[in-house]
Amino acid sequence: MFIIIILFFFFSGAVVFVSNLKHLLLILLSLEFIVLRLFFYLLIYLNLFNFEQYFVIFYLIFSVCEGALGLSILVSLIRTHGNDYFQSFSILQC
């Protein structure tokens, strides 16, 4: 039952990520939501089969690094462009 709920939340986060969003912050939040749901799914899966949970710690370390990298990109884009709208970004400026 919990697996179905976690998969529902995962796919709802994926739908928000795929939808046409205007702000980079909303996309980063949906990615973090997906990462959090995958963490819960991995935790339940490893507990179900009585495996070691060292992989969960490594997964959390990489997800925190991914979140910090996303926030640093967001801050640098806001400093250079003044906002986080995707319509104001251009590939030719990079």
PDB file of N, CA and C in Angstrom:
ATOM      1  N   MET A   1       0.825  -1.197   0.000  1.00  0.00           N
ATOM      2  CA  MET A   1       0.000   0.000   0.000  1.00  0.00           C
ATOM      3  C   MET A   1       0.859   1.247   0.000  1.00  0.00           C
ATOM      4  N   PHE A   2       1.939   1.246   0.828  1.00  0.00           N
ATOM      5  CA  PHE A   2       2.806   2.409   0.888  1.00  0.00           C
ATOM      6  C   PHE A   2       3.548   2.619  -0.417  1.00  0.00           C
ATOM      7  N   ILE A   3       3.883   1.530  -1.088  1.00  0.00           N
ATOM      8  CA  ILE A   3       4.607   1.629  -2.355  1.00  0.00           C
ATOM      9  C   ILE A   3       3.737   2.300  -3.409  1.00  0.00           C
ATOM     10  N   ILE A   4       2.465   2.010  -3.425  1.00  0.00           N
ATOM     11  CA  ILE A   4       1.554   2.628  -4.389  1.00  0.00           C
ATOM     12  C   ILE A   4       1.432   4.122  -4.119  1.00  0.00           C
ATOM     13  N   ILE A   5       1.370   4.494  -2.857  1.00  0.00           N
ATOM     14  CA  ILE A   5       1.284   5.914  -2.509  1.00  0.00           C
ATOM     15  C   ILE A   5       2.562   6.640  -2.893  1.00  0.00           C
ATOM     16  N   ILE A   6       3.708   6.032  -2.630  1.00  0.00           N
ATOM     17  CA  ILE A   6       4.983   6.661  -2.968  1.00  0.00           C
ATOM     18  C   ILE A   6       5.134   6.774  -4.478  1.00  0.00           C
ATOM     19  N   LEU A   7       4.732   5.755  -5.225  1.00  0.00           N
ATOM     20  CA  LEU A   7       4.799   5.840  -6.686  1.00  0.00           C
ATOM     21  C   LEU A   7       3.842   6.894  -7.228  1.00  0.00           C
ATOM     22  N   PHE A   8       2.683   7.047  -6.606  1.00  0.00           N
ATOM     23  CA  PHE A   8       1.758   8.106  -7.022  1.00  0.00           C
ATOM     24  C   PHE A   8       2.382   9.478  -6.822  1.00  0.00           C
ATOM     25  N   PHE A   9       3.021   9.685  -5.664  1.00  0.00           N
ATOM     26  CA  PHE A   9       3.682  10.963  -5.416  1.00  0.00           C
ATOM     27  C   PHE A   9       4.853  11.178  -6.370  1.00  0.00           C
ATOM     28  N   PHE A  10       5.575  10.110  -6.688  1.00  0.00           N
ATOM     29  CA  PHE A  10       6.687  10.228  -7.639  1.00  0.00           C
ATOM     30  C   PHE A  10       6.187  10.669  -9.005  1.00  0.00           C
ATOM     31  N   PHE A  11       5.128  10.025  -9.492  1.00  0.00           N
ATOM     32  CA  PHE A  11       4.623  10.383 -10.808  1.00  0.00           C
ATOM     33  C   PHE A  11       3.945  11.746 -10.819  1.00  0.00           C
ATOM     34  N   SER A  12       3.373  12.161  -9.704  1.00  0.00           N
ATOM     35  CA  SER A  12       2.814  13.515  -9.650  1.00  0.00           C
ATOM     36  C   SER A  12       3.942  14.547  -9.698  1.00  0.00           C
ATOM     37  N   GLY A  13       5.066  14.284  -9.061  1.00  0.00           N
ATOM     38  CA  GLY A  13       6.222  15.162  -9.162  1.00  0.00           C
ATOM     39  C   GLY A  13       6.794  15.185 -10.568  1.00  0.00           C
ATOM     40  N   ALA A  14       6.775  14.031 -11.239  1.00  0.00           N
ATOM     41  CA  ALA A  14       7.262  13.978 -12.616  1.00  0.00           C
ATOM     42  C   ALA A  14       6.350  14.762 -13.557  1.00  0.00           C
ATOM     43  N   VAL A  15       5.050  14.728 -13.319  1.00  0.00           N
ATOM     44  CA  VAL A  15       4.112  15.496 -14.145  1.00  0.00           C
ATOM     45  C   VAL A  15       4.342  16.990 -13.966  1.00  0.00           C
ATOM     46  N   VAL A  16       4.588  17.425 -12.742  1.00  0.00           N
ATOM     47  CA  VAL A  16       4.882  18.839 -12.495  1.00  0.00           C
ATOM     48  C   VAL A  16       6.191  19.233 -13.166  1.00  0.00           C
ATOM     49  N   PHE A  17       7.174  18.351 -13.148  1.00  0.00           N
ATOM     50  CA  PHE A  17       8.458  18.647 -13.786  1.00  0.00           C
ATOM     51  C   PHE A  17       8.326  18.756 -15.299  1.00  0.00           C
ATOM     52  N   VAL A  18       7.529  17.903 -15.894  1.00  0.00           N
ATOM     53  CA  VAL A  18       7.394  17.878 -17.350  1.00  0.00           C
ATOM     54  C   VAL A  18       6.490  19.002 -17.856  1.00  0.00           C
ATOM     55  N   SER A  19       5.574  19.454 -17.019  1.00  0.00           N
ATOM     56  CA  SER A  19       4.652  20.505 -17.459  1.00  0.00           C
ATOM     57  C   SER A  19       5.422  21.791 -17.751  1.00  0.00           C
ATOM     58  N   ASN A  20       4.782  22.673 -18.462  1.00  0.00           N
ATOM     59  CA  ASN A  20       5.414  23.909 -18.903  1.00  0.00           C
ATOM     60  C   ASN A  20       5.463  24.903 -17.749  1.00  0.00           C
ATOM     61  N   LEU A  21       6.586  24.952 -17.059  1.00  0.00           N
ATOM     62  CA  LEU A  21       6.747  25.856 -15.925  1.00  0.00           C
ATOM     63  C   LEU A  21       7.533  27.089 -16.356  1.00  0.00           C
ATOM     64  N   LYS A  22       7.239  28.195 -15.701  1.00  0.00           N
ATOM     65  CA  LYS A  22       7.889  29.444 -16.062  1.00  0.00           C
ATOM     66  C   LYS A  22       9.107  29.747 -15.203  1.00  0.00           C
ATOM     67  N   HIS A  23       9.133  29.251 -13.988  1.00  0.00           N
ATOM     68  CA  HIS A  23      10.191  29.598 -13.055  1.00  0.00           C
ATOM     69  C   HIS A  23      11.143  28.433 -12.840  1.00  0.00           C
ATOM     70  N   LEU A  24      12.413  28.747 -12.715  1.00  0.00           N
ATOM     71  CA  LEU A  24      13.423  27.733 -12.441  1.00  0.00           C
ATOM     72  C   LEU A  24      13.272  27.183 -11.029  1.00  0.00           C
ATOM     73  N   LEU A  25      12.833  28.005 -10.085  1.00  0.00           N
ATOM     74  CA  LEU A  25      12.656  27.553  -8.714  1.00  0.00           C
ATOM     75  C   LEU A  25      11.593  26.463  -8.611  1.00  0.00           C
ATOM     76  N   LEU A  26      10.516  26.562  -9.369  1.00  0.00           N
ATOM     77  CA  LEU A  26       9.489  25.514  -9.358  1.00  0.00           C
ATOM     78  C   LEU A  26      10.015  24.200  -9.914  1.00  0.00           C
ATOM     79  N   ILE A  27      10.862  24.285 -10.919  1.00  0.00           N
ATOM     80  CA  ILE A  27      11.448  23.069 -11.482  1.00  0.00           C
ATOM     81  C   ILE A  27      12.396  22.425 -10.474  1.00  0.00           C
ATOM     82  N   LEU A  28      13.180  23.238  -9.785  1.00  0.00           N
ATOM     83  CA  LEU A  28      14.080  22.684  -8.766  1.00  0.00           C
ATOM     84  C   LEU A  28      13.304  22.059  -7.613  1.00  0.00           C
ATOM     85  N   LEU A  29      12.198  22.677  -7.222  1.00  0.00           N
ATOM     86  CA  LEU A  29      11.376  22.095  -6.161  1.00  0.00           C
ATOM     87  C   LEU A  29      10.751  20.768  -6.581  1.00  0.00           C
ATOM     88  N   SER A  30      10.309  20.680  -7.828  1.00  0.00           N
ATOM     89  CA  SER A  30       9.738  19.410  -8.286  1.00  0.00           C
ATOM     90  C   SER A  30      10.807  18.328  -8.371  1.00  0.00           C
ATOM     91  N   LEU A  31      12.029  18.699  -8.754  1.00  0.00           N
ATOM     92  CA  LEU A  31      13.115  17.713  -8.759  1.00  0.00           C
ATOM     93  C   LEU A  31      13.443  17.228  -7.351  1.00  0.00           C
ATOM     94  N   GLU A  32      13.441  18.130  -6.396  1.00  0.00           N
ATOM     95  CA  GLU A  32      13.691  17.721  -5.008  1.00  0.00           C
ATOM     96  C   GLU A  32      12.554  16.848  -4.472  1.00  0.00           C
ATOM     97  N   PHE A  33      11.333  17.122  -4.898  1.00  0.00           N
ATOM     98  CA  PHE A  33      10.199  16.282  -4.508  1.00  0.00           C
ATOM     99  C   PHE A  33      10.365  14.876  -5.058  1.00  0.00           C
ATOM    100  N   ILE A  34      10.811  14.755  -6.302  1.00  0.00           N
ATOM    101  CA  ILE A  34      11.039  13.442  -6.905  1.00  0.00           C
ATOM    102  C   ILE A  34      12.166  12.712  -6.177  1.00  0.00           C
ATOM    103  N   VAL A  35      13.241  13.428  -5.845  1.00  0.00           N
ATOM    104  CA  VAL A  35      14.365  12.823  -5.130  1.00  0.00           C
ATOM    105  C   VAL A  35      13.927  12.326  -3.757  1.00  0.00           C
ATOM    106  N   LEU A  36      13.097  13.112  -3.077  1.00  0.00           N
ATOM    107  CA  LEU A  36      12.622  12.700  -1.752  1.00  0.00           C
ATOM    108  C   LEU A  36      11.749  11.451  -1.835  1.00  0.00           C
ATOM    109  N   ARG A  37      10.887  11.377  -2.829  1.00  0.00           N
ATOM    110  CA  ARG A  37      10.037  10.189  -2.982  1.00  0.00           C
ATOM    111  C   ARG A  37      10.858   8.968  -3.358  1.00  0.00           C
ATOM    112  N   LEU A  38      11.865   9.139  -4.192  1.00  0.00           N
ATOM    113  CA  LEU A  38      12.739   8.011  -4.506  1.00  0.00           C
ATOM    114  C   LEU A  38      13.517   7.551  -3.279  1.00  0.00           C
ATOM    115  N   PHE A  39      13.863   8.492  -2.409  1.00  0.00           N
ATOM    116  CA  PHE A  39      14.531   8.118  -1.159  1.00  0.00           C
ATOM    117  C   PHE A  39      13.625   7.254  -0.306  1.00  0.00           C
ATOM    118  N   PHE A  40      12.359   7.639  -0.150  1.00  0.00           N
ATOM    119  CA  PHE A  40      11.435   6.831   0.649  1.00  0.00           C
ATOM    120  C   PHE A  40      11.208   5.460   0.014  1.00  0.00           C
ATOM    121  N   TYR A  41      11.106   5.419  -1.311  1.00  0.00           N
ATOM    122  CA  TYR A  41      10.921   4.142  -1.991  1.00  0.00           C
ATOM    123  C   TYR A  41      12.147   3.239  -1.788  1.00  0.00           C
ATOM    124  N   LEU A  42      13.338   3.821  -1.870  1.00  0.00           N
ATOM    125  CA  LEU A  42      14.561   3.053  -1.672  1.00  0.00           C
ATOM    126  C   LEU A  42      14.668   2.555  -0.236  1.00  0.00           C
ATOM    127  N   LEU A  43      14.284   3.383   0.705  1.00  0.00           N
ATOM    128  CA  LEU A  43      14.328   2.995   2.108  1.00  0.00           C
ATOM    129  C   LEU A  43      13.373   1.840   2.402  1.00  0.00           C
ATOM    130  N   ILE A  44      12.176   1.902   1.867  1.00  0.00           N
ATOM    131  CA  ILE A  44      11.209   0.816   2.066  1.00  0.00           C
ATOM    132  C   ILE A  44      11.686  -0.459   1.381  1.00  0.00           C
ATOM    133  N   TYR A  45      12.245  -0.312   0.180  1.00  0.00           N
ATOM    134  CA  TYR A  45      12.723  -1.475  -0.565  1.00  0.00           C
ATOM    135  C   TYR A  45      13.866  -2.170   0.187  1.00  0.00           C
ATOM    136  N   LEU A  46      14.815  -1.407   0.709  1.00  0.00           N
ATOM    137  CA  LEU A  46      15.937  -2.013   1.423  1.00  0.00           C
ATOM    138  C   LEU A  46      15.495  -2.622   2.746  1.00  0.00           C
ATOM    139  N   ASN A  47      14.529  -2.018   3.413  1.00  0.00           N
ATOM    140  CA  ASN A  47      14.018  -2.598   4.654  1.00  0.00           C
ATOM    141  C   ASN A  47      13.201  -3.857   4.400  1.00  0.00           C
ATOM    142  N   LEU A  48      12.554  -3.924   3.259  1.00  0.00           N
ATOM    143  CA  LEU A  48      11.738  -5.083   2.929  1.00  0.00           C
ATOM    144  C   LEU A  48      12.592  -6.339   2.770  1.00  0.00           C
ATOM    145  N   PHE A  49      13.770  -6.193   2.169  1.00  0.00           N
ATOM    146  CA  PHE A  49      14.631  -7.344   1.925  1.00  0.00           C
ATOM    147  C   PHE A  49      15.799  -7.439   2.911  1.00  0.00           C
ATOM    148  N   ASN A  50      15.775  -6.632   3.965  1.00  0.00           N
ATOM    149  CA  ASN A  50      16.785  -6.659   5.023  1.00  0.00           C
ATOM    150  C   ASN A  50      18.208  -6.457   4.502  1.00  0.00           C
ATOM    151  N   PHE A  51      18.384  -5.495   3.611  1.00  0.00           N
ATOM    152  CA  PHE A  51      19.711  -5.152   3.106  1.00  0.00           C
ATOM    153  C   PHE A  51      20.338  -4.082   3.982  1.00  0.00           C
ATOM    154  N   GLU A  52      21.634  -3.908   3.801  1.00  0.00           N
ATOM    155  CA  GLU A  52      22.338  -2.829   4.491  1.00  0.00           C
ATOM    156  C   GLU A  52      21.859  -1.487   3.944  1.00  0.00           C
ATOM    157  N   GLN A  53      21.908  -0.490   4.779  1.00  0.00           N
ATOM    158  CA  GLN A  53      21.378   0.806   4.364  1.00  0.00           C
ATOM    159  C   GLN A  53      22.468   1.840   4.126  1.00  0.00           C
ATOM    160  N   TYR A  54      23.660   1.385   3.790  1.00  0.00           N
ATOM    161  CA  TYR A  54      24.728   2.322   3.465  1.00  0.00           C
ATOM    162  C   TYR A  54      24.432   3.049   2.158  1.00  0.00           C
ATOM    163  N   PHE A  55      23.758   2.383   1.254  1.00  0.00           N
ATOM    164  CA  PHE A  55      23.434   3.010  -0.022  1.00  0.00           C
ATOM    165  C   PHE A  55      22.493   4.194   0.173  1.00  0.00           C
ATOM    166  N   VAL A  56      21.640   4.124   1.182  1.00  0.00           N
ATOM    167  CA  VAL A  56      20.719   5.226   1.472  1.00  0.00           C
ATOM    168  C   VAL A  56      21.503   6.461   1.896  1.00  0.00           C
ATOM    169  N   ILE A  57      22.564   6.273   2.656  1.00  0.00           N
ATOM    170  CA  ILE A  57      23.384   7.399   3.081  1.00  0.00           C
ATOM    171  C   ILE A  57      24.082   8.030   1.885  1.00  0.00           C
ATOM    172  N   PHE A  58      24.617   7.213   0.990  1.00  0.00           N
ATOM    173  CA  PHE A  58      25.246   7.752  -0.213  1.00  0.00           C
ATOM    174  C   PHE A  58      24.226   8.477  -1.092  1.00  0.00           C
ATOM    175  N   TYR A  59      23.028   7.932  -1.177  1.00  0.00           N
ATOM    176  CA  TYR A  59      21.976   8.584  -1.956  1.00  0.00           C
ATOM    177  C   TYR A  59      21.629   9.949  -1.365  1.00  0.00           C
ATOM    178  N   LEU A  60      21.546  10.035  -0.048  1.00  0.00           N
ATOM    179  CA  LEU A  60      21.263  11.325   0.597  1.00  0.00           C
ATOM    180  C   LEU A  60      22.396  12.315   0.370  1.00  0.00           C
ATOM    181  N   ILE A  61      23.624  11.858   0.404  1.00  0.00           N
ATOM    182  CA  ILE A  61      24.765  12.750   0.171  1.00  0.00           C
ATOM    183  C   ILE A  61      24.708  13.322  -1.236  1.00  0.00           C
ATOM    184  N   PHE A  62      24.452  12.471  -2.226  1.00  0.00           N
ATOM    185  CA  PHE A  62      24.393  12.958  -3.603  1.00  0.00           C
ATOM    186  C   PHE A  62      23.183  13.845  -3.846  1.00  0.00           C
ATOM    187  N   SER A  63      22.076  13.574  -3.184  1.00  0.00           N
ATOM    188  CA  SER A  63      20.897  14.426  -3.377  1.00  0.00           C
ATOM    189  C   SER A  63      21.096  15.797  -2.737  1.00  0.00           C
ATOM    190  N   VAL A  64      21.796  15.861  -1.614  1.00  0.00           N
ATOM    191  CA  VAL A  64      22.096  17.160  -1.000  1.00  0.00           C
ATOM    192  C   VAL A  64      23.056  17.948  -1.884  1.00  0.00           C
ATOM    193  N   CYS A  65      24.033  17.277  -2.453  1.00  0.00           N
ATOM    194  CA  CYS A  65      24.954  17.960  -3.377  1.00  0.00           C
ATOM    195  C   CYS A  65      24.215  18.457  -4.617  1.00  0.00           C
ATOM    196  N   GLU A  66      23.275  17.685  -5.094  1.00  0.00           N
ATOM    197  CA  GLU A  66      22.475  18.099  -6.259  1.00  0.00           C
ATOM    198  C   GLU A  66      21.623  19.308  -5.921  1.00  0.00           C
ATOM    199  N   GLY A  67      21.051  19.331  -4.732  1.00  0.00           N
ATOM    200  CA  GLY A  67      20.238  20.473  -4.321  1.00  0.00           C
ATOM    201  C   GLY A  67      21.063  21.732  -4.153  1.00  0.00           C
ATOM    202  N   ALA A  68      22.258  21.596  -3.584  1.00  0.00           N
ATOM    203  CA  ALA A  68      23.134  22.758  -3.418  1.00  0.00           C
ATOM    204  C   ALA A  68      23.605  23.289  -4.767  1.00  0.00           C
ATOM    205  N   LEU A  69      23.885  22.394  -5.693  1.00  0.00           N
ATOM    206  CA  LEU A  69      24.287  22.824  -7.035  1.00  0.00           C
ATOM    207  C   LEU A  69      23.151  23.542  -7.749  1.00  0.00           C
ATOM    208  N   GLY A  70      21.934  23.034  -7.619  1.00  0.00           N
ATOM    209  CA  GLY A  70      20.780  23.693  -8.233  1.00  0.00           C
ATOM    210  C   GLY A  70      20.526  25.065  -7.654  1.00  0.00           C
ATOM    211  N   LEU A  71      20.658  25.208  -6.338  1.00  0.00           N
ATOM    212  CA  LEU A  71      20.470  26.520  -5.721  1.00  0.00           C
ATOM    213  C   LEU A  71      21.570  27.495  -6.113  1.00  0.00           C
ATOM    214  N   SER A  72      22.786  27.024  -6.265  1.00  0.00           N
ATOM    215  CA  SER A  72      23.860  27.930  -6.689  1.00  0.00           C
ATOM    216  C   SER A  72      23.652  28.388  -8.125  1.00  0.00           C
ATOM    217  N   ILE A  73      23.150  27.514  -8.980  1.00  0.00           N
ATOM    218  CA  ILE A  73      22.827  27.918 -10.354  1.00  0.00           C
ATOM    219  C   ILE A  73      21.687  28.920 -10.353  1.00  0.00           C
ATOM    220  N   LEU A  74      20.694  28.710  -9.502  1.00  0.00           N
ATOM    221  CA  LEU A  74      19.578  29.640  -9.400  1.00  0.00           C
ATOM    222  C   LEU A  74      20.039  31.016  -8.934  1.00  0.00           C
ATOM    223  N   VAL A  75      20.900  31.066  -7.938  1.00  0.00           N
ATOM    224  CA  VAL A  75      21.400  32.348  -7.440  1.00  0.00           C
ATOM    225  C   VAL A  75      22.226  33.061  -8.503  1.00  0.00           C
ATOM    226  N   SER A  76      23.067  32.334  -9.222  1.00  0.00           N
ATOM    227  CA  SER A  76      23.883  32.977 -10.258  1.00  0.00           C
ATOM    228  C   SER A  76      23.015  33.486 -11.409  1.00  0.00           C
ATOM    229  N   LEU A  77      21.952  32.753 -11.757  1.00  0.00           N
ATOM    230  CA  LEU A  77      21.063  33.239 -12.815  1.00  0.00           C
ATOM    231  C   LEU A  77      20.273  34.464 -12.379  1.00  0.00           C
ATOM    232  N   ILE A  78      19.866  34.508 -11.122  1.00  0.00           N
ATOM    233  CA  ILE A  78      19.142  35.676 -10.636  1.00  0.00           C
ATOM    234  C   ILE A  78      20.074  36.887 -10.568  1.00  0.00           C
ATOM    235  N   ARG A  79      21.319  36.675 -10.215  1.00  0.00           N
ATOM    236  CA  ARG A  79      22.262  37.799 -10.178  1.00  0.00           C
ATOM    237  C   ARG A  79      22.587  38.330 -11.570  1.00  0.00           C
ATOM    238  N   THR A  80      22.673  37.455 -12.564  1.00  0.00           N
ATOM    239  CA  THR A  80      23.030  37.917 -13.908  1.00  0.00           C
ATOM    240  C   THR A  80      21.826  38.438 -14.684  1.00  0.00           C
ATOM    241  N   HIS A  81      20.668  37.787 -14.551  1.00  0.00           N
ATOM    242  CA  HIS A  81      19.496  38.158 -15.355  1.00  0.00           C
ATOM    243  C   HIS A  81      18.437  38.925 -14.574  1.00  0.00           C
ATOM    244  N   GLY A  82      18.453  38.866 -13.272  1.00  0.00           N
ATOM    245  CA  GLY A  82      17.498  39.610 -12.469  1.00  0.00           C
ATOM    246  C   GLY A  82      16.239  38.847 -12.107  1.00  0.00           C
ATOM    247  N   ASN A  83      15.980  37.709 -12.724  1.00  0.00           N
ATOM    248  CA  ASN A  83      14.800  36.904 -12.400  1.00  0.00           C
ATOM    249  C   ASN A  83      15.075  35.453 -12.762  1.00  0.00           C
ATOM    250  N   ASP A  84      14.070  34.598 -12.531  1.00  0.00           N
ATOM    251  CA  ASP A  84      14.241  33.182 -12.865  1.00  0.00           C
ATOM    252  C   ASP A  84      13.234  32.719 -13.905  1.00  0.00           C
ATOM    253  N   TYR A  85      12.754  33.629 -14.739  1.00  0.00           N
ATOM    254  CA  TYR A  85      11.867  33.258 -15.835  1.00  0.00           C
ATOM    255  C   TYR A  85      12.661  32.593 -16.949  1.00  0.00           C
ATOM    256  N   PHE A  86      12.089  31.544 -17.529  1.00  0.00           N
ATOM    257  CA  PHE A  86      12.762  30.891 -18.645  1.00  0.00           C
ATOM    258  C   PHE A  86      12.662  31.691 -19.928  1.00  0.00           C
ATOM    259  N   GLN A  87      11.668  32.553 -20.040  1.00  0.00           N
ATOM    260  CA  GLN A  87      11.509  33.332 -21.258  1.00  0.00           C
ATOM    261  C   GLN A  87      12.605  34.385 -21.403  1.00  0.00           C
ATOM    262  N   SER A  88      13.204  34.803 -20.293  1.00  0.00           N
ATOM    263  CA  SER A  88      14.248  35.829 -20.367  1.00  0.00           C
ATOM    264  C   SER A  88      15.626  35.244 -20.655  1.00  0.00           C
ATOM    265  N   PHE A  89      15.781  33.925 -20.583  1.00  0.00           N
ATOM    266  CA  PHE A  89      17.065  33.304 -20.853  1.00  0.00           C
ATOM    267  C   PHE A  89      17.228  33.079 -22.353  1.00  0.00           C
ATOM    268  N   SER A  90      18.433  33.228 -22.816  1.00  0.00           N
ATOM    269  CA  SER A  90      18.719  32.982 -24.228  1.00  0.00           C
ATOM    270  C   SER A  90      19.993  32.161 -24.320  1.00  0.00           C
ATOM    271  N   ILE A  91      20.030  31.226 -25.231  1.00  0.00           N
ATOM    272  CA  ILE A  91      21.216  30.390 -25.426  1.00  0.00           C
ATOM    273  C   ILE A  91      22.328  31.194 -26.052  1.00  0.00           C
ATOM    274  N   LEU A  92      21.990  32.211 -26.828  1.00  0.00           N
ATOM    275  CA  LEU A  92      22.989  33.020 -27.487  1.00  0.00           C
ATOM    276  C   LEU A  92      23.793  33.884 -26.515  1.00  0.00           C
ATOM    277  N   GLN A  93      23.250  34.171 -25.329  1.00  0.00           N
ATOM    278  CA  GLN A  93      23.957  34.978 -24.352  1.00  0.00           C
ATOM    279  C   GLN A  93      25.005  34.188 -23.596  1.00  0.00           C
ATOM    280  N   CYS A  94      24.888  32.904 -23.526  1.00  0.00           N
ATOM    281  CA  CYS A  94      25.808  32.093 -22.721  1.00  0.00           C
ATOM    282  C   CYS A  94      27.140  31.906 -23.374  1.00  0.00           C
TER     283      CYS A  94
END
